[in-house]
N, C-alpha and C. Protein backbone atom coordinates (compact mmCIF):
# COMPACT_ATOMS: atom_id res chain seq x y z
N UNK A 1 -4.59 -73.77 60.32
CA UNK A 1 -5.52 -72.87 60.96
C UNK A 1 -5.37 -71.45 60.39
N UNK A 2 -4.14 -71.05 60.16
CA UNK A 2 -3.87 -69.72 59.62
C UNK A 2 -4.46 -69.58 58.22
N UNK A 3 -4.38 -70.63 57.43
CA UNK A 3 -4.94 -70.61 56.07
C UNK A 3 -6.45 -70.48 56.09
N UNK A 4 -7.09 -71.12 57.04
CA UNK A 4 -8.56 -71.05 57.17
C UNK A 4 -8.98 -69.62 57.52
N UNK A 5 -8.27 -69.01 58.44
CA UNK A 5 -8.60 -67.64 58.83
C UNK A 5 -8.41 -66.67 57.66
N UNK A 6 -7.35 -66.87 56.88
CA UNK A 6 -7.11 -66.01 55.72
C UNK A 6 -8.20 -66.17 54.68
N UNK A 7 -8.65 -67.40 54.45
CA UNK A 7 -9.70 -67.62 53.45
C UNK A 7 -11.03 -67.05 53.92
N UNK A 8 -11.32 -67.13 55.22
CA UNK A 8 -12.56 -66.56 55.74
C UNK A 8 -12.51 -65.03 55.68
N UNK A 9 -11.35 -64.45 55.96
CA UNK A 9 -11.19 -63.01 55.95
C UNK A 9 -11.32 -62.45 54.54
N UNK A 10 -10.82 -63.21 53.56
CA UNK A 10 -10.83 -62.73 52.17
C UNK A 10 -12.16 -63.01 51.48
N UNK A 11 -13.01 -63.85 52.06
CA UNK A 11 -14.28 -64.20 51.44
C UNK A 11 -15.20 -62.99 51.36
N UNK A 12 -15.96 -62.90 50.28
CA UNK A 12 -16.85 -61.77 50.08
C UNK A 12 -18.31 -62.12 50.29
N UNK A 13 -18.63 -63.35 50.65
CA UNK A 13 -20.02 -63.74 50.83
C UNK A 13 -20.64 -62.98 51.99
N UNK A 14 -19.91 -62.80 53.07
CA UNK A 14 -20.43 -62.08 54.22
C UNK A 14 -20.68 -60.61 53.92
N UNK A 15 -19.87 -60.03 53.06
CA UNK A 15 -20.07 -58.64 52.67
C UNK A 15 -21.36 -58.47 51.90
N UNK A 16 -21.66 -59.41 51.02
CA UNK A 16 -22.90 -59.35 50.26
C UNK A 16 -24.10 -59.39 51.19
N UNK A 17 -24.08 -60.27 52.16
CA UNK A 17 -25.19 -60.40 53.10
C UNK A 17 -25.34 -59.12 53.90
N UNK A 18 -24.24 -58.54 54.33
CA UNK A 18 -24.30 -57.29 55.11
C UNK A 18 -24.86 -56.16 54.26
N UNK A 19 -24.47 -56.09 52.99
CA UNK A 19 -24.99 -55.04 52.11
C UNK A 19 -26.49 -55.19 51.91
N UNK A 20 -26.96 -56.42 51.71
CA UNK A 20 -28.39 -56.65 51.56
C UNK A 20 -29.13 -56.30 52.84
N UNK A 21 -28.56 -56.59 54.00
CA UNK A 21 -29.20 -56.27 55.26
C UNK A 21 -29.32 -54.76 55.43
N UNK A 22 -28.29 -54.02 55.06
CA UNK A 22 -28.34 -52.56 55.16
C UNK A 22 -29.38 -51.99 54.20
N UNK A 23 -29.42 -52.50 52.97
CA UNK A 23 -30.41 -52.03 52.00
C UNK A 23 -31.83 -52.33 52.49
N UNK A 24 -32.04 -53.51 53.06
CA UNK A 24 -33.36 -53.87 53.57
C UNK A 24 -33.76 -52.96 54.72
N UNK A 25 -32.82 -52.64 55.60
CA UNK A 25 -33.11 -51.75 56.72
C UNK A 25 -33.49 -50.36 56.23
N UNK A 26 -32.78 -49.84 55.24
CA UNK A 26 -33.10 -48.52 54.69
C UNK A 26 -34.47 -48.52 54.03
N UNK A 27 -34.76 -49.55 53.27
CA UNK A 27 -36.06 -49.65 52.60
C UNK A 27 -37.18 -49.73 53.64
N UNK A 28 -36.99 -50.50 54.70
CA UNK A 28 -38.01 -50.61 55.74
C UNK A 28 -38.25 -49.28 56.44
N UNK A 29 -37.19 -48.54 56.70
CA UNK A 29 -37.35 -47.23 57.35
C UNK A 29 -38.14 -46.29 56.45
N UNK A 30 -37.84 -46.29 55.16
CA UNK A 30 -38.56 -45.42 54.22
C UNK A 30 -40.03 -45.84 54.13
N UNK A 31 -40.30 -47.12 54.03
CA UNK A 31 -41.68 -47.61 53.91
C UNK A 31 -42.47 -47.29 55.17
N UNK A 32 -41.90 -47.56 56.34
CA UNK A 32 -42.61 -47.30 57.59
C UNK A 32 -42.87 -45.80 57.76
N UNK A 33 -41.89 -44.99 57.44
CA UNK A 33 -42.08 -43.54 57.53
C UNK A 33 -43.15 -43.05 56.59
N UNK A 34 -43.16 -43.56 55.38
CA UNK A 34 -44.18 -43.16 54.40
C UNK A 34 -45.56 -43.60 54.83
N UNK A 35 -45.67 -44.82 55.35
CA UNK A 35 -46.97 -45.30 55.80
C UNK A 35 -47.49 -44.48 56.98
N UNK A 36 -46.61 -44.09 57.87
CA UNK A 36 -47.06 -43.28 59.01
C UNK A 36 -47.53 -41.91 58.54
N UNK A 37 -46.82 -41.32 57.59
CA UNK A 37 -47.21 -40.01 57.07
C UNK A 37 -48.52 -40.10 56.30
N UNK A 38 -48.63 -41.06 55.41
CA UNK A 38 -49.84 -41.21 54.60
C UNK A 38 -51.00 -41.67 55.47
N UNK A 39 -50.72 -42.51 56.46
CA UNK A 39 -51.77 -43.03 57.33
C UNK A 39 -52.49 -41.93 58.08
N UNK A 40 -51.76 -40.98 58.64
CA UNK A 40 -52.41 -39.91 59.39
C UNK A 40 -53.19 -39.00 58.45
N UNK A 41 -52.65 -38.71 57.28
CA UNK A 41 -53.37 -37.88 56.32
C UNK A 41 -54.62 -38.58 55.80
N UNK A 42 -54.51 -39.87 55.55
CA UNK A 42 -55.65 -40.63 55.07
C UNK A 42 -56.76 -40.66 56.11
N UNK A 43 -56.39 -40.82 57.37
CA UNK A 43 -57.37 -40.83 58.44
C UNK A 43 -58.12 -39.50 58.48
N UNK A 44 -57.41 -38.40 58.32
CA UNK A 44 -58.05 -37.08 58.31
C UNK A 44 -59.01 -36.93 57.14
N UNK A 45 -58.63 -37.41 55.98
CA UNK A 45 -59.49 -37.32 54.80
C UNK A 45 -60.75 -38.14 55.00
N UNK A 46 -60.62 -39.37 55.48
CA UNK A 46 -61.80 -40.21 55.70
C UNK A 46 -62.72 -39.61 56.77
N UNK A 47 -62.14 -39.03 57.79
CA UNK A 47 -62.97 -38.39 58.82
C UNK A 47 -63.72 -37.20 58.24
N UNK A 48 -63.07 -36.43 57.41
CA UNK A 48 -63.72 -35.29 56.77
C UNK A 48 -64.86 -35.74 55.85
N UNK A 49 -64.63 -36.77 55.09
CA UNK A 49 -65.66 -37.30 54.17
C UNK A 49 -66.83 -37.84 54.98
N UNK A 50 -66.55 -38.55 56.07
CA UNK A 50 -67.62 -39.11 56.89
C UNK A 50 -68.44 -38.00 57.53
N UNK A 51 -67.79 -36.93 57.97
CA UNK A 51 -68.53 -35.80 58.55
C UNK A 51 -69.40 -35.12 57.51
N UNK A 52 -68.89 -35.02 56.29
CA UNK A 52 -69.64 -34.38 55.22
C UNK A 52 -70.88 -35.21 54.85
N UNK A 53 -70.74 -36.53 54.84
CA UNK A 53 -71.85 -37.40 54.47
C UNK A 53 -72.93 -37.42 55.52
N UNK A 54 -72.61 -37.17 56.77
CA UNK A 54 -73.61 -37.20 57.83
C UNK A 54 -74.29 -35.91 57.86
């Protein structure tokens, strides 16, 4: 049992998964933030163009 715990503790597969999860979370935060910023600006531009065309 002690050998199993040592091999699980020394394994690096779990670290790789955790690193990928952290990178994915950071990327998602950046993408969502960018979309929210661009989305509001884009809405203002389209509203301005629509008002100009009418």
